[in-house]
PDB file of N, CA and C in Angstrom:
ATOM      1  N   MET A   1      33.754 -30.512 -19.185  1.00  0.00           N
ATOM      2  CA  MET A   1      33.972 -30.617 -17.753  1.00  0.00           C
ATOM      3  C   MET A   1      33.208 -29.885 -16.801  1.00  0.00           C
ATOM      4  N   SER A   2      32.509 -30.014 -15.791  1.00  0.00           N
ATOM      5  CA  SER A   2      32.214 -29.113 -15.020  1.00  0.00           C
ATOM      6  C   SER A   2      33.162 -28.481 -14.052  1.00  0.00           C
ATOM      7  N   ARG A   3      33.122 -27.607 -13.622  1.00  0.00           N
ATOM      8  CA  ARG A   3      34.236 -27.096 -12.154  1.00  0.00           C
ATOM      9  C   ARG A   3      33.237 -26.985 -10.891  1.00  0.00           C
ATOM     10  N   ARG A   4      33.860 -27.419 -10.032  1.00  0.00           N
ATOM     11  CA  ARG A   4      33.208 -27.262  -8.906  1.00  0.00           C
ATOM     12  C   ARG A   4      33.281 -25.879  -8.341  1.00  0.00           C
ATOM     13  N   ARG A   5      32.283 -25.476  -7.747  1.00  0.00           N
ATOM     14  CA  ARG A   5      32.506 -23.903  -7.300  1.00  0.00           C
ATOM     15  C   ARG A   5      32.868 -23.878  -5.886  1.00  0.00           C
ATOM     16  N   SER A   6      33.765 -22.893  -5.739  1.00  0.00           N
ATOM     17  CA  SER A   6      34.149 -22.982  -4.223  1.00  0.00           C
ATOM     18  C   SER A   6      33.029 -21.764  -3.456  1.00  0.00           C
ATOM     19  N   THR A   7      32.803 -22.173  -2.303  1.00  0.00           N
ATOM     20  CA  THR A   7      32.025 -21.320  -1.620  1.00  0.00           C
ATOM     21  C   THR A   7      32.295 -21.498  -0.061  1.00  0.00           C
ATOM     22  N   GLY A   8      31.587 -20.729   1.061  1.00  0.00           N
ATOM     23  CA  GLY A   8      31.791 -20.472   2.361  1.00  0.00           C
ATOM     24  C   GLY A   8      30.995 -22.152   2.626  1.00  0.00           C
ATOM     25  N   LEU A   9      31.669 -22.682   3.988  1.00  0.00           N
ATOM     26  CA  LEU A   9      31.024 -23.749   4.430  1.00  0.00           C
ATOM     27  C   LEU A   9      29.507 -23.725   4.658  1.00  0.00           C
ATOM     28  N   SER A  10      28.773 -22.658   5.367  1.00  0.00           N
ATOM     29  CA  SER A  10      27.549 -22.420   5.639  1.00  0.00           C
ATOM     30  C   SER A  10      26.768 -22.715   4.194  1.00  0.00           C
ATOM     31  N   ALA A  11      27.218 -21.712   3.165  1.00  0.00           N
ATOM     32  CA  ALA A  11      26.598 -22.086   1.966  1.00  0.00           C
ATOM     33  C   ALA A  11      26.476 -23.508   1.358  1.00  0.00           C
ATOM     34  N   VAL A  12      27.568 -24.201   1.417  1.00  0.00           N
ATOM     35  CA  VAL A  12      27.624 -25.655   1.264  1.00  0.00           C
ATOM     36  C   VAL A  12      26.682 -26.409   1.934  1.00  0.00           C
ATOM     37  N   LEU A  13      26.801 -26.244   3.112  1.00  0.00           N
ATOM     38  CA  LEU A  13      25.793 -26.857   4.098  1.00  0.00           C
ATOM     39  C   LEU A  13      24.295 -26.750   3.846  1.00  0.00           C
ATOM     40  N   ALA A  14      24.018 -25.371   3.547  1.00  0.00           N
ATOM     41  CA  ALA A  14      22.652 -24.967   3.300  1.00  0.00           C
ATOM     42  C   ALA A  14      22.354 -25.756   1.972  1.00  0.00           C
ATOM     43  N   GLU A  15      22.804 -25.827   0.830  1.00  0.00           N
ATOM     44  CA  GLU A  15      22.433 -26.041  -0.329  1.00  0.00           C
ATOM     45  C   GLU A  15      22.188 -27.769   0.042  1.00  0.00           C
ATOM     46  N   ARG A  16      23.252 -28.333   0.592  1.00  0.00           N
ATOM     47  CA  ARG A  16      23.087 -29.883   0.675  1.00  0.00           C
ATOM     48  C   ARG A  16      21.991 -30.529   1.679  1.00  0.00           C
ATOM     49  N   PHE A  17      21.642 -29.353   2.851  1.00  0.00           N
ATOM     50  CA  PHE A  17      20.444 -29.843   3.557  1.00  0.00           C
ATOM     51  C   PHE A  17      19.267 -29.532   2.973  1.00  0.00           C
ATOM     52  N   GLY A  18      19.528 -28.320   2.035  1.00  0.00           N
ATOM     53  CA  GLY A  18      18.080 -27.786   1.569  1.00  0.00           C
ATOM     54  C   GLY A  18      17.240 -27.067   2.393  1.00  0.00           C
ATOM     55  N   VAL A  19      18.425 -25.857   3.207  1.00  0.00           N
ATOM     56  CA  VAL A  19      17.625 -25.139   3.982  1.00  0.00           C
ATOM     57  C   VAL A  19      18.212 -23.557   3.794  1.00  0.00           C
ATOM     58  N   ALA A  20      17.694 -22.752   4.420  1.00  0.00           N
ATOM     59  CA  ALA A  20      18.449 -21.445   4.251  1.00  0.00           C
ATOM     60  C   ALA A  20      19.809 -21.628   5.229  1.00  0.00           C
ATOM     61  N   GLU A  21      20.705 -20.456   4.633  1.00  0.00           N
ATOM     62  CA  GLU A  21      21.876 -20.680   5.574  1.00  0.00           C
ATOM     63  C   GLU A  21      21.655 -20.357   6.828  1.00  0.00           C
ATOM     64  N   ASP A  22      20.813 -19.443   7.259  1.00  0.00           N
ATOM     65  CA  ASP A  22      20.943 -18.714   8.449  1.00  0.00           C
ATOM     66  C   ASP A  22      19.880 -20.306   9.222  1.00  0.00           C
ATOM     67  N   GLN A  23      19.464 -21.352   8.693  1.00  0.00           N
ATOM     68  CA  GLN A  23      19.258 -22.492   9.430  1.00  0.00           C
ATOM     69  C   GLN A  23      19.996 -23.618   9.492  1.00  0.00           C
ATOM     70  N   VAL A  24      20.964 -23.500   9.188  1.00  0.00           N
ATOM     71  CA  VAL A  24      22.310 -24.562   9.047  1.00  0.00           C
ATOM     72  C   VAL A  24      22.093 -25.146  10.448  1.00  0.00           C
ATOM     73  N   HIS A  25      22.548 -24.045  11.407  1.00  0.00           N
ATOM     74  CA  HIS A  25      22.785 -24.378  13.021  1.00  0.00           C
ATOM     75  C   HIS A  25      21.720 -25.477  13.443  1.00  0.00           C
ATOM     76  N   ASP A  26      20.394 -25.081  13.127  1.00  0.00           N
ATOM     77  CA  ASP A  26      19.287 -25.830  13.562  1.00  0.00           C
ATOM     78  C   ASP A  26      18.831 -27.321  13.095  1.00  0.00           C
ATOM     79  N   GLU A  27      19.638 -27.165  11.876  1.00  0.00           N
ATOM     80  CA  GLU A  27      19.364 -28.440  10.863  1.00  0.00           C
ATOM     81  C   GLU A  27      20.403 -29.590  11.690  1.00  0.00           C
ATOM     82  N   LEU A  28      21.542 -29.037  11.690  1.00  0.00           N
ATOM     83  CA  LEU A  28      22.589 -29.536  12.346  1.00  0.00           C
ATOM     84  C   LEU A  28      22.291 -30.383  13.513  1.00  0.00           C
ATOM     85  N   GLU A  29      21.777 -29.565  14.605  1.00  0.00           N
ATOM     86  CA  GLU A  29      21.023 -29.626  15.802  1.00  0.00           C
ATOM     87  C   GLU A  29      20.436 -30.872  15.760  1.00  0.00           C
ATOM     88  N   ALA A  30      19.167 -30.716  14.956  1.00  0.00           N
ATOM     89  CA  ALA A  30      17.876 -31.533  14.932  1.00  0.00           C
ATOM     90  C   ALA A  30      18.592 -32.927  14.494  1.00  0.00           C
ATOM     91  N   ARG A  31      19.466 -33.030  13.287  1.00  0.00           N
ATOM     92  CA  ARG A  31      19.764 -34.240  12.783  1.00  0.00           C
ATOM     93  C   ARG A  31      20.582 -34.838  13.940  1.00  0.00           C
ATOM     94  N   LEU A  32      21.380 -34.172  14.489  1.00  0.00           N
ATOM     95  CA  LEU A  32      22.270 -35.166  15.588  1.00  0.00           C
ATOM     96  C   LEU A  32      21.354 -35.227  16.742  1.00  0.00           C
ATOM     97  N   GLY A  33      20.309 -34.750  17.025  1.00  0.00           N
ATOM     98  CA  GLY A  33      19.258 -35.083  18.006  1.00  0.00           C
ATOM     99  C   GLY A  33      18.620 -36.367  17.858  1.00  0.00           C
ATOM    100  N   ALA A  34      18.360 -36.209  16.481  1.00  0.00           N
ATOM    101  CA  ALA A  34      17.393 -37.483  16.053  1.00  0.00           C
ATOM    102  C   ALA A  34      18.413 -38.368  16.139  1.00  0.00           C
ATOM    103  N   LEU A  35      19.672 -38.563  15.568  1.00  0.00           N
ATOM    104  CA  LEU A  35      20.582 -39.612  15.467  1.00  0.00           C
ATOM    105  C   LEU A  35      20.607 -40.105  17.133  1.00  0.00           C
ATOM    106  N   TRP A  36      20.772 -39.194  17.846  1.00  0.00           N
ATOM    107  CA  TRP A  36      21.028 -39.808  18.871  1.00  0.00           C
ATOM    108  C   TRP A  36      20.089 -40.238  19.805  1.00  0.00           C
ATOM    109  N   ALA A  37      19.098 -39.849  19.472  1.00  0.00           N
ATOM    110  CA  ALA A  37      17.729 -40.590  20.261  1.00  0.00           C
ATOM    111  C   ALA A  37      17.364 -41.991  19.567  1.00  0.00           C
ATOM    112  N   THR A  38      17.681 -42.098  18.315  1.00  0.00           N
ATOM    113  CA  THR A  38      17.465 -43.268  17.881  1.00  0.00           C
ATOM    114  C   THR A  38      18.756 -44.344  18.418  1.00  0.00           C
ATOM    115  N   LEU A  39      20.144 -44.038  18.472  1.00  0.00           N
ATOM    116  CA  LEU A  39      21.158 -44.804  19.072  1.00  0.00           C
ATOM    117  C   LEU A  39      20.451 -45.037  20.614  1.00  0.00           C
ATOM    118  N   THR A  40      20.147 -44.326  21.205  1.00  0.00           N
ATOM    119  CA  THR A  40      19.807 -44.564  22.833  1.00  0.00           C
ATOM    120  C   THR A  40      18.794 -44.996  23.025  1.00  0.00           C
ATOM    121  N   GLY A  41      17.763 -45.342  21.961  1.00  0.00           N
ATOM    122  CA  GLY A  41      16.504 -45.605  21.953  1.00  0.00           C
ATOM    123  C   GLY A  41      16.404 -47.428  21.768  1.00  0.00           C
ATOM    124  N   ASP A  42      15.129 -47.823  21.642  1.00  0.00           N
ATOM    125  CA  ASP A  42      14.754 -49.023  21.535  1.00  0.00           C
ATOM    126  C   ASP A  42      14.193 -49.216  20.209  1.00  0.00           C
ATOM    127  N   ALA A  43      14.503 -48.455  18.819  1.00  0.00           N
ATOM    128  CA  ALA A  43      14.002 -48.637  17.719  1.00  0.00           C
ATOM    129  C   ALA A  43      14.509 -50.021  17.080  1.00  0.00           C
ATOM    130  N   PRO A  44      13.520 -50.854  16.355  1.00  0.00           N
ATOM    131  CA  PRO A  44      13.979 -51.969  15.950  1.00  0.00           C
ATOM    132  C   PRO A  44      14.984 -51.671  14.426  1.00  0.00           C
ATOM    133  N   ALA A  45      15.652 -52.497  14.118  1.00  0.00           N
ATOM    134  CA  ALA A  45      16.840 -52.695  13.282  1.00  0.00           C
ATOM    135  C   ALA A  45      16.166 -52.379  11.849  1.00  0.00           C
ATOM    136  N   ASP A  46      15.001 -52.630  11.569  1.00  0.00           N
ATOM    137  CA  ASP A  46      14.419 -52.358  10.159  1.00  0.00           C
ATOM    138  C   ASP A  46      13.465 -51.321  10.357  1.00  0.00           C
ATOM    139  N   SER A  47      13.266 -50.640  11.192  1.00  0.00           N
ATOM    140  CA  SER A  47      12.343 -49.342  11.199  1.00  0.00           C
ATOM    141  C   SER A  47      12.814 -47.988  10.349  1.00  0.00           C
ATOM    142  N   ALA A  48      11.480 -47.310  10.197  1.00  0.00           N
ATOM    143  CA  ALA A  48      11.990 -46.158   9.294  1.00  0.00           C
ATOM    144  C   ALA A  48      12.822 -45.205  10.227  1.00  0.00           C
ATOM    145  N   GLN A  49      12.688 -45.127  11.722  1.00  0.00           N
ATOM    146  CA  GLN A  49      13.424 -44.384  12.255  1.00  0.00           C
ATOM    147  C   GLN A  49      14.949 -44.423  11.987  1.00  0.00           C
ATOM    148  N   VAL A  50      15.237 -46.095  12.020  1.00  0.00           N
ATOM    149  CA  VAL A  50      16.707 -46.392  11.833  1.00  0.00           C
ATOM    150  C   VAL A  50      17.158 -46.032  10.230  1.00  0.00           C
ATOM    151  N   ALA A  51      16.399 -46.423   9.418  1.00  0.00           N
ATOM    152  CA  ALA A  51      16.679 -45.540   7.864  1.00  0.00           C
ATOM    153  C   ALA A  51      16.742 -44.175   7.989  1.00  0.00           C
ATOM    154  N   THR A  52      16.120 -43.355   8.630  1.00  0.00           N
ATOM    155  CA  THR A  52      16.169 -41.989   8.581  1.00  0.00           C
ATOM    156  C   THR A  52      17.573 -41.602   9.493  1.00  0.00           C
ATOM    157  N   ALA A  53      17.829 -42.374  10.617  1.00  0.00           N
ATOM    158  CA  ALA A  53      19.139 -42.253  11.130  1.00  0.00           C
ATOM    159  C   ALA A  53      20.453 -42.087  10.265  1.00  0.00           C
ATOM    160  N   HIS A  54      20.297 -43.322   9.675  1.00  0.00           N
ATOM    161  CA  HIS A  54      21.417 -43.521   8.568  1.00  0.00           C
ATOM    162  C   HIS A  54      21.744 -42.809   7.699  1.00  0.00           C
ATOM    163  N   GLY A  55      20.530 -41.926   7.196  1.00  0.00           N
ATOM    164  CA  GLY A  55      20.709 -40.762   6.404  1.00  0.00           C
ATOM    165  C   GLY A  55      21.428 -39.612   6.965  1.00  0.00           C
ATOM    166  N   ASP A  56      20.653 -39.353   8.230  1.00  0.00           N
ATOM    167  CA  ASP A  56      21.372 -38.385   9.124  1.00  0.00           C
ATOM    168  C   ASP A  56      22.800 -38.260   9.324  1.00  0.00           C
ATOM    169  N   LEU A  57      23.042 -39.863   9.452  1.00  0.00           N
ATOM    170  CA  LEU A  57      24.394 -40.019   9.821  1.00  0.00           C
ATOM    171  C   LEU A  57      25.635 -39.671   8.715  1.00  0.00           C
ATOM    172  N   TRP A  58      25.227 -40.021   7.414  1.00  0.00           N
ATOM    173  CA  TRP A  58      25.561 -40.093   6.237  1.00  0.00           C
ATOM    174  C   TRP A  58      25.822 -38.537   6.064  1.00  0.00           C
ATOM    175  N   ALA A  59      24.740 -37.815   6.406  1.00  0.00           N
ATOM    176  CA  ALA A  59      24.901 -35.866   6.244  1.00  0.00           C
ATOM    177  C   ALA A  59      25.655 -35.382   6.956  1.00  0.00           C
ATOM    178  N   LEU A  60      25.685 -36.042   7.999  1.00  0.00           N
ATOM    179  CA  LEU A  60      26.440 -35.254   9.584  1.00  0.00           C
ATOM    180  C   LEU A  60      28.402 -35.949   8.938  1.00  0.00           C
ATOM    181  N   SER A  61      28.114 -36.746   8.407  1.00  0.00           N
ATOM    182  CA  SER A  61      29.746 -37.276   8.155  1.00  0.00           C
ATOM    183  C   SER A  61      30.103 -36.290   7.011  1.00  0.00           C
ATOM    184  N   GLY A  62      29.356 -35.994   5.983  1.00  0.00           N
ATOM    185  CA  GLY A  62      29.684 -35.041   5.153  1.00  0.00           C
ATOM    186  C   GLY A  62      29.942 -33.536   5.824  1.00  0.00           C
ATOM    187  N   PHE A  63      29.214 -33.393   6.717  1.00  0.00           N
ATOM    188  CA  PHE A  63      29.319 -31.872   7.504  1.00  0.00           C
ATOM    189  C   PHE A  63      31.034 -32.247   8.225  1.00  0.00           C
ATOM    190  N   VAL A  64      31.240 -33.393   8.751  1.00  0.00           N
ATOM    191  CA  VAL A  64      32.643 -33.444   9.485  1.00  0.00           C
ATOM    192  C   VAL A  64      33.714 -33.337   8.373  1.00  0.00           C
ATOM    193  N   ALA A  65      33.701 -34.005   7.251  1.00  0.00           N
ATOM    194  CA  ALA A  65      34.586 -33.820   6.214  1.00  0.00           C
ATOM    195  C   ALA A  65      34.775 -32.324   5.491  1.00  0.00           C
ATOM    196  N   ASP A  66      33.707 -31.640   5.480  1.00  0.00           N
ATOM    197  CA  ASP A  66      33.783 -30.397   5.277  1.00  0.00           C
ATOM    198  C   ASP A  66      34.457 -29.295   6.017  1.00  0.00           C
ATOM    199  N   ALA A  67      34.003 -29.675   7.405  1.00  0.00           N
ATOM    200  CA  ALA A  67      34.520 -28.913   8.624  1.00  0.00           C
ATOM    201  C   ALA A  67      36.019 -29.201   8.589  1.00  0.00           C
ATOM    202  N   ARG A  68      36.608 -30.454   8.325  1.00  0.00           N
ATOM    203  CA  ARG A  68      37.918 -30.593   8.604  1.00  0.00           C
ATOM    204  C   ARG A  68      38.742 -29.863   7.497  1.00  0.00           C
ATOM    205  N   ARG A  69      38.107 -29.854   6.312  1.00  0.00           N
ATOM    206  CA  ARG A  69      38.938 -29.197   4.940  1.00  0.00           C
ATOM    207  C   ARG A  69      38.979 -27.528   5.258  1.00  0.00           C
ATOM    208  N   ALA A  70      37.562 -26.926   6.210  1.00  0.00           N
ATOM    209  CA  ALA A  70      37.586 -25.762   6.332  1.00  0.00           C
ATOM    210  C   ALA A  70      38.763 -25.284   7.596  1.00  0.00           C
ATOM    211  N   LEU A  71      38.581 -26.109   8.509  1.00  0.00           N
ATOM    212  CA  LEU A  71      39.883 -25.712   9.801  1.00  0.00           C
ATOM    213  C   LEU A  71      41.338 -25.843   9.109  1.00  0.00           C
ATOM    214  N   ALA A  72      41.286 -26.739   8.102  1.00  0.00           N
ATOM    215  CA  ALA A  72      42.884 -26.860   7.521  1.00  0.00           C
ATOM    216  C   ALA A  72      42.896 -25.721   6.425  1.00  0.00           C
ATOM    217  N   GLY A  73      42.158 -24.863   6.122  1.00  0.00           N
ATOM    218  CA  GLY A  73      42.492 -23.627   5.431  1.00  0.00           C
ATOM    219  C   GLY A  73      42.227 -24.240   4.245  1.00  0.00           C
ATOM    220  N   LYS A  74      41.567 -25.351   3.528  1.00  0.00           N
ATOM    221  CA  LYS A  74      41.659 -25.935   2.454  1.00  0.00           C
ATOM    222  C   LYS A  74      40.091 -25.299   1.794  1.00  0.00           C
ATOM    223  N   GLU A  75      39.855 -25.046   0.689  1.00  0.00           N
ATOM    224  CA  GLU A  75      38.497 -24.569   0.042  1.00  0.00           C
ATOM    225  C   GLU A  75      37.305 -25.652   0.092  1.00  0.00           C
ATOM    226  N   VAL A  76      36.248 -25.420   0.466  1.00  0.00           N
ATOM    227  CA  VAL A  76      35.268 -26.359   0.534  1.00  0.00           C
ATOM    228  C   VAL A  76      34.280 -26.174  -0.495  1.00  0.00           C
ATOM    229  N   ALA A  77      34.201 -27.359  -1.324  1.00  0.00           N
ATOM    230  CA  ALA A  77      33.235 -27.159  -2.889  1.00  0.00           C
ATOM    231  C   ALA A  77      32.152 -27.664  -2.738  1.00  0.00           C
ATOM    232  N   ALA A  78      31.368 -27.049  -3.552  1.00  0.00           N
ATOM    233  CA  ALA A  78      29.537 -27.355  -3.330  1.00  0.00           C
ATOM    234  C   ALA A  78      29.363 -28.703  -4.509  1.00  0.00           C
TER     235      ALA A  78
END
């Protein structure tokens, strides 16, 4: 049975996004910006842009769940 390792929020997000820890803020900003541009634009529902937005939304929802745990003083596990 593998045990989840506990680490800081930045480290968890860096691992999930595949970026360095100091790039997490920029990555979050880029994903949110791209999602917003898709939602406010005229992208066809079956476009690659919308498919990418779904992935960004999934990643951002994971961030929100992890942030909620961190704010509650609970451990965030990778």
